[in-house]
Amino acid sequence: AGCRCAAAIRCSGSIVTAGRDSLTAVTGVPIKADGTEGAPFTGTIPSTVSVANGLQVVLTDQPPIVVKSPDIMAGLDAIVTLQFENAGEVTLRAPILDGNVGPYVSLKPSATPSV
C-alpha cells in the first residue's frame, strides 16, 4: 500500500498541442487499492493555461492546479480528464506520486527551476 497523501495534491505534467488551445478544466477519480473508483475531484485552475502550436507547457511552471479527494493515495492511479477550449476532452490514467519520495522529489513545484 502507498502512503496516505493529504486530500489535496498538485497536478504535474506537460502539454503539447498542434494548435492554439487553453486548458479549461481538470476532473477525475482516484482508483482505490481495491480497484474501485474513489470520490471524484475537480481541479482548481487559478489562471489560464494557454498552449501554443508545438510548444511544451509544463504544469509545474504555472500556478498550481490543485485537486482534492479523500481517496487520493500515492502509489495508486487516477483517471484524469483534461478539458480544452478547442480540442475538447482528453482522458487518461495517471499515477499518483509522492513528491517527498526519492526519485520524485525533483518533480515537486519549487521557486527555482531544476537543472
N, C-alpha and C. Protein backbone atom coordinates (compact mmCIF):
# COMPACT_ATOMS: atom_id res chain seq x y z
N ALA A 1 0.84 -1.19 0.00
CA ALA A 1 0.00 0.00 0.00
C ALA A 1 0.87 1.23 0.00
N GLY A 2 0.44 2.28 -0.67
CA GLY A 2 1.18 3.54 -0.70
C GLY A 2 0.92 4.34 0.56
N CYS A 3 1.70 5.40 0.73
CA CYS A 3 1.49 6.26 1.88
C CYS A 3 0.27 7.15 1.62
N ARG A 4 -0.38 7.53 2.68
CA ARG A 4 -1.58 8.37 2.56
C ARG A 4 -1.14 9.81 2.33
N CYS A 5 -1.62 10.43 1.28
CA CYS A 5 -1.30 11.83 0.98
C CYS A 5 -2.35 12.72 1.60
N ALA A 6 -2.05 14.00 1.62
CA ALA A 6 -3.07 14.96 2.01
C ALA A 6 -4.20 14.85 1.00
N ALA A 7 -5.36 15.33 1.36
CA ALA A 7 -6.52 15.23 0.48
C ALA A 7 -6.40 16.14 -0.73
N ALA A 8 -5.41 17.02 -0.74
CA ALA A 8 -5.21 17.92 -1.87
C ALA A 8 -3.84 17.69 -2.46
N ILE A 9 -3.75 17.61 -3.78
CA ILE A 9 -2.46 17.46 -4.45
C ILE A 9 -2.39 18.43 -5.61
N ARG A 10 -1.19 18.61 -6.14
CA ARG A 10 -0.99 19.46 -7.31
C ARG A 10 -0.82 18.60 -8.54
N CYS A 11 -1.39 19.05 -9.64
CA CYS A 11 -1.22 18.35 -10.91
C CYS A 11 0.15 18.68 -11.49
N SER A 12 0.81 17.68 -12.02
CA SER A 12 2.10 17.87 -12.67
C SER A 12 2.05 17.16 -14.01
N GLY A 13 2.72 17.72 -14.98
CA GLY A 13 2.75 17.11 -16.30
C GLY A 13 3.09 18.14 -17.34
N SER A 14 3.14 17.72 -18.58
CA SER A 14 3.43 18.62 -19.69
C SER A 14 2.36 18.45 -20.75
N ILE A 15 2.07 19.54 -21.46
CA ILE A 15 1.05 19.54 -22.51
C ILE A 15 1.67 20.10 -23.78
N VAL A 16 1.45 19.42 -24.90
CA VAL A 16 1.89 19.91 -26.21
C VAL A 16 0.70 19.74 -27.16
N THR A 17 0.50 20.71 -28.04
CA THR A 17 -0.61 20.64 -28.99
C THR A 17 -0.14 21.06 -30.39
N ALA A 18 -0.91 20.68 -31.37
CA ALA A 18 -0.59 21.06 -32.75
C ALA A 18 -1.21 22.41 -33.11
N GLY A 19 -1.97 22.99 -32.22
CA GLY A 19 -2.60 24.29 -32.47
C GLY A 19 -2.67 25.09 -31.20
N ARG A 20 -3.39 26.20 -31.23
CA ARG A 20 -3.56 27.01 -30.03
C ARG A 20 -4.79 26.52 -29.26
N ASP A 21 -4.62 26.47 -27.93
CA ASP A 21 -5.72 25.99 -27.10
C ASP A 21 -5.52 26.47 -25.68
N SER A 22 -6.50 26.21 -24.82
CA SER A 22 -6.41 26.54 -23.40
C SER A 22 -7.00 25.41 -22.59
N LEU A 23 -6.34 25.07 -21.50
CA LEU A 23 -6.86 24.10 -20.55
C LEU A 23 -7.93 24.80 -19.74
N THR A 24 -9.16 24.27 -19.74
CA THR A 24 -10.26 24.93 -19.06
C THR A 24 -10.76 24.18 -17.83
N ALA A 25 -10.47 22.88 -17.72
CA ALA A 25 -10.95 22.12 -16.56
C ALA A 25 -10.13 20.87 -16.37
N VAL A 26 -10.02 20.44 -15.12
CA VAL A 26 -9.39 19.16 -14.77
C VAL A 26 -10.34 18.46 -13.81
N THR A 27 -10.76 17.25 -14.16
CA THR A 27 -11.64 16.47 -13.31
C THR A 27 -11.14 15.03 -13.30
N GLY A 28 -11.66 14.24 -12.39
CA GLY A 28 -11.27 12.83 -12.40
C GLY A 28 -11.70 12.09 -11.16
N VAL A 29 -11.24 10.84 -11.09
CA VAL A 29 -11.49 10.00 -9.93
C VAL A 29 -10.22 9.21 -9.61
N PRO A 30 -9.85 9.16 -8.32
CA PRO A 30 -8.75 8.28 -7.95
C PRO A 30 -9.22 6.83 -7.98
N ILE A 31 -8.32 5.93 -8.28
CA ILE A 31 -8.61 4.50 -8.24
C ILE A 31 -8.09 3.98 -6.90
N LYS A 32 -8.97 3.42 -6.10
CA LYS A 32 -8.59 2.93 -4.77
C LYS A 32 -7.83 1.62 -4.88
N ALA A 33 -7.21 1.21 -3.77
CA ALA A 33 -6.39 0.00 -3.75
C ALA A 33 -7.17 -1.25 -4.17
N ASP A 34 -8.49 -1.27 -3.93
CA ASP A 34 -9.29 -2.43 -4.31
C ASP A 34 -9.77 -2.36 -5.76
N GLY A 35 -9.33 -1.32 -6.50
CA GLY A 35 -9.68 -1.19 -7.92
C GLY A 35 -10.96 -0.43 -8.19
N THR A 36 -11.68 -0.04 -7.15
CA THR A 36 -12.91 0.72 -7.35
C THR A 36 -12.59 2.22 -7.44
N GLU A 37 -13.55 2.96 -7.97
CA GLU A 37 -13.37 4.40 -8.09
C GLU A 37 -13.62 5.07 -6.74
N GLY A 38 -12.76 6.04 -6.42
CA GLY A 38 -12.91 6.82 -5.21
C GLY A 38 -13.78 8.04 -5.43
N ALA A 39 -13.75 8.94 -4.46
CA ALA A 39 -14.53 10.18 -4.55
C ALA A 39 -13.97 11.05 -5.67
N PRO A 40 -14.82 11.56 -6.56
CA PRO A 40 -14.35 12.37 -7.69
C PRO A 40 -13.72 13.68 -7.23
N PHE A 41 -12.88 14.22 -8.10
CA PHE A 41 -12.26 15.52 -7.82
C PHE A 41 -12.43 16.45 -9.01
N THR A 42 -12.36 17.74 -8.71
CA THR A 42 -12.35 18.80 -9.72
C THR A 42 -11.18 19.71 -9.40
N GLY A 43 -10.37 19.99 -10.40
CA GLY A 43 -9.20 20.84 -10.18
C GLY A 43 -9.57 22.31 -10.13
N THR A 44 -8.82 23.03 -9.33
CA THR A 44 -8.94 24.48 -9.28
C THR A 44 -7.83 25.05 -10.15
N ILE A 45 -8.20 25.68 -11.26
CA ILE A 45 -7.23 26.27 -12.19
C ILE A 45 -7.18 27.77 -11.89
N PRO A 46 -6.09 28.24 -11.23
CA PRO A 46 -6.04 29.64 -10.80
C PRO A 46 -5.85 30.66 -11.92
N SER A 47 -5.29 30.26 -13.04
CA SER A 47 -5.13 31.17 -14.17
C SER A 47 -5.13 30.35 -15.45
N THR A 48 -5.40 31.01 -16.56
CA THR A 48 -5.50 30.34 -17.85
C THR A 48 -4.19 29.63 -18.19
N VAL A 49 -4.31 28.38 -18.60
CA VAL A 49 -3.15 27.62 -19.08
C VAL A 49 -3.27 27.57 -20.60
N SER A 50 -2.52 28.47 -21.25
CA SER A 50 -2.55 28.55 -22.71
C SER A 50 -1.49 27.63 -23.30
N VAL A 51 -1.86 26.98 -24.41
CA VAL A 51 -0.96 26.07 -25.11
C VAL A 51 -0.83 26.58 -26.54
N ALA A 52 0.40 26.78 -26.99
CA ALA A 52 0.64 27.27 -28.35
C ALA A 52 1.18 26.15 -29.23
N ASN A 53 1.05 26.29 -30.52
CA ASN A 53 1.44 25.30 -31.51
C ASN A 53 2.85 24.76 -31.28
N GLY A 54 2.94 23.49 -30.89
CA GLY A 54 4.22 22.80 -30.77
C GLY A 54 5.06 23.18 -29.58
N LEU A 55 4.61 24.08 -28.73
CA LEU A 55 5.40 24.49 -27.56
C LEU A 55 4.93 23.73 -26.33
N GLN A 56 5.87 23.18 -25.60
CA GLN A 56 5.56 22.43 -24.39
C GLN A 56 5.20 23.37 -23.25
N VAL A 57 4.13 23.07 -22.55
CA VAL A 57 3.75 23.78 -21.34
C VAL A 57 3.93 22.81 -20.18
N VAL A 58 4.74 23.18 -19.20
CA VAL A 58 4.99 22.35 -18.02
C VAL A 58 4.09 22.88 -16.91
N LEU A 59 3.19 22.03 -16.43
CA LEU A 59 2.21 22.49 -15.45
C LEU A 59 2.84 22.98 -14.16
N THR A 60 3.98 22.43 -13.75
CA THR A 60 4.61 22.90 -12.51
C THR A 60 5.27 24.26 -12.68
N ASP A 61 5.35 24.78 -13.92
CA ASP A 61 5.85 26.13 -14.16
C ASP A 61 4.72 27.15 -14.10
N GLN A 62 3.50 26.72 -13.89
CA GLN A 62 2.30 27.56 -13.83
C GLN A 62 1.84 27.64 -12.37
N PRO A 63 0.92 28.56 -12.05
CA PRO A 63 0.30 28.50 -10.72
C PRO A 63 -0.30 27.10 -10.53
N PRO A 64 -0.19 26.52 -9.33
CA PRO A 64 -0.60 25.12 -9.14
C PRO A 64 -2.08 24.86 -9.39
N ILE A 65 -2.34 23.75 -10.07
CA ILE A 65 -3.70 23.24 -10.24
C ILE A 65 -3.88 22.22 -9.12
N VAL A 66 -4.78 22.51 -8.19
CA VAL A 66 -4.96 21.66 -7.01
C VAL A 66 -6.22 20.82 -7.19
N VAL A 67 -6.11 19.52 -6.90
CA VAL A 67 -7.26 18.63 -6.91
C VAL A 67 -7.41 18.03 -5.51
N LYS A 68 -8.66 17.81 -5.10
CA LYS A 68 -8.93 17.31 -3.75
C LYS A 68 -9.87 16.11 -3.80
N SER A 69 -9.50 15.07 -3.07
CA SER A 69 -10.36 13.91 -2.87
C SER A 69 -9.81 13.15 -1.66
N PRO A 70 -10.67 12.67 -0.79
CA PRO A 70 -10.19 11.90 0.35
C PRO A 70 -9.56 10.56 -0.06
N ASP A 71 -9.75 10.16 -1.31
CA ASP A 71 -9.26 8.86 -1.77
C ASP A 71 -7.96 8.94 -2.57
N ILE A 72 -7.35 10.11 -2.66
CA ILE A 72 -6.07 10.24 -3.35
C ILE A 72 -5.00 9.59 -2.48
N MET A 73 -4.25 8.65 -3.06
CA MET A 73 -3.20 7.95 -2.32
C MET A 73 -2.00 7.72 -3.24
N ALA A 74 -0.84 8.13 -2.77
CA ALA A 74 0.39 7.91 -3.54
C ALA A 74 0.57 6.43 -3.81
N GLY A 75 1.05 6.12 -4.99
CA GLY A 75 1.29 4.72 -5.37
C GLY A 75 0.14 4.13 -6.16
N LEU A 76 -0.99 4.81 -6.18
CA LEU A 76 -2.14 4.33 -6.94
C LEU A 76 -2.29 5.20 -8.18
N ASP A 77 -3.39 5.09 -8.89
CA ASP A 77 -3.63 5.84 -10.11
C ASP A 77 -4.89 6.68 -9.98
N ALA A 78 -5.08 7.56 -10.95
CA ALA A 78 -6.32 8.32 -11.08
C ALA A 78 -6.69 8.38 -12.55
N ILE A 79 -7.97 8.38 -12.82
CA ILE A 79 -8.47 8.64 -14.16
C ILE A 79 -8.68 10.15 -14.23
N VAL A 80 -7.94 10.83 -15.10
CA VAL A 80 -7.95 12.29 -15.17
C VAL A 80 -8.48 12.73 -16.53
N THR A 81 -9.40 13.68 -16.52
CA THR A 81 -9.93 14.26 -17.75
C THR A 81 -9.50 15.72 -17.82
N LEU A 82 -8.82 16.05 -18.91
CA LEU A 82 -8.42 17.43 -19.18
C LEU A 82 -9.38 17.98 -20.23
N GLN A 83 -9.98 19.12 -19.95
CA GLN A 83 -10.91 19.76 -20.87
C GLN A 83 -10.22 20.96 -21.51
N PHE A 84 -10.20 20.99 -22.84
CA PHE A 84 -9.58 22.08 -23.58
C PHE A 84 -10.65 22.88 -24.31
N GLU A 85 -10.40 24.16 -24.47
CA GLU A 85 -11.35 25.05 -25.13
C GLU A 85 -11.67 24.59 -26.54
N ASN A 86 -10.66 24.21 -27.33
CA ASN A 86 -10.87 23.83 -28.72
C ASN A 86 -10.86 22.32 -28.96
N ALA A 87 -9.95 21.61 -28.32
CA ALA A 87 -9.76 20.19 -28.59
C ALA A 87 -10.77 19.30 -27.88
N GLY A 88 -11.48 19.83 -26.89
CA GLY A 88 -12.43 19.02 -26.15
C GLY A 88 -11.74 18.27 -25.02
N GLU A 89 -12.23 17.08 -24.72
CA GLU A 89 -11.73 16.31 -23.59
C GLU A 89 -10.67 15.30 -23.98
N VAL A 90 -9.72 15.12 -23.06
CA VAL A 90 -8.73 14.05 -23.16
C VAL A 90 -8.72 13.36 -21.81
N THR A 91 -8.95 12.04 -21.79
CA THR A 91 -8.97 11.29 -20.54
C THR A 91 -7.83 10.29 -20.54
N LEU A 92 -7.14 10.21 -19.41
CA LEU A 92 -6.01 9.30 -19.28
C LEU A 92 -5.92 8.77 -17.87
N ARG A 93 -5.21 7.67 -17.73
CA ARG A 93 -4.93 7.11 -16.40
C ARG A 93 -3.53 7.56 -16.03
N ALA A 94 -3.39 8.19 -14.86
CA ALA A 94 -2.11 8.75 -14.44
C ALA A 94 -1.74 8.26 -13.05
N PRO A 95 -0.44 8.05 -12.81
CA PRO A 95 -0.01 7.63 -11.48
C PRO A 95 -0.08 8.80 -10.50
N ILE A 96 -0.32 8.48 -9.24
CA ILE A 96 -0.28 9.48 -8.16
C ILE A 96 1.05 9.27 -7.45
N LEU A 97 1.91 10.28 -7.50
CA LEU A 97 3.25 10.18 -6.94
C LEU A 97 3.38 11.04 -5.70
N ASP A 98 4.21 10.60 -4.77
CA ASP A 98 4.52 11.38 -3.58
C ASP A 98 5.80 12.16 -3.85
N GLY A 99 5.70 13.48 -3.97
CA GLY A 99 6.83 14.33 -4.28
C GLY A 99 7.89 14.40 -3.20
N ASN A 100 7.66 13.74 -2.07
CA ASN A 100 8.65 13.71 -0.99
C ASN A 100 9.50 12.45 -1.03
N VAL A 101 9.25 11.58 -2.00
CA VAL A 101 9.93 10.29 -2.06
C VAL A 101 10.97 10.30 -3.18
N GLY A 102 12.19 9.84 -2.84
CA GLY A 102 13.33 9.67 -3.72
C GLY A 102 13.26 10.25 -5.11
N PRO A 103 12.98 9.41 -6.12
CA PRO A 103 13.10 9.87 -7.50
C PRO A 103 12.09 10.95 -7.91
N TYR A 104 11.07 11.20 -7.07
CA TYR A 104 10.04 12.16 -7.45
C TYR A 104 10.25 13.55 -6.85
N VAL A 105 11.25 13.70 -5.99
CA VAL A 105 11.50 14.99 -5.34
C VAL A 105 11.70 16.09 -6.37
N SER A 106 12.39 15.79 -7.46
CA SER A 106 12.66 16.82 -8.47
C SER A 106 11.40 17.22 -9.24
N LEU A 107 10.31 16.50 -9.10
CA LEU A 107 9.06 16.82 -9.80
C LEU A 107 8.20 17.80 -9.02
N LYS A 108 8.56 18.06 -7.74
CA LYS A 108 7.78 18.97 -6.92
C LYS A 108 7.91 20.40 -7.43
N PRO A 109 6.83 21.16 -7.40
CA PRO A 109 6.93 22.57 -7.75
C PRO A 109 7.87 23.28 -6.79
N SER A 110 8.68 24.18 -7.31
CA SER A 110 9.59 24.93 -6.46
C SER A 110 9.75 26.33 -7.01
N ALA A 111 10.33 27.19 -6.19
CA ALA A 111 10.51 28.58 -6.60
C ALA A 111 11.59 28.72 -7.67
N THR A 112 12.53 27.77 -7.71
CA THR A 112 13.60 27.83 -8.70
C THR A 112 13.53 26.60 -9.59
N PRO A 113 13.84 26.75 -10.88
CA PRO A 113 13.76 25.60 -11.78
C PRO A 113 14.84 24.57 -11.47
N SER A 114 14.53 23.30 -11.70
CA SER A 114 15.53 22.26 -11.53
C SER A 114 16.41 22.20 -12.76
N VAL A 115 17.64 21.73 -12.59
CA VAL A 115 18.60 21.69 -13.71
C VAL A 115 18.69 20.28 -14.23
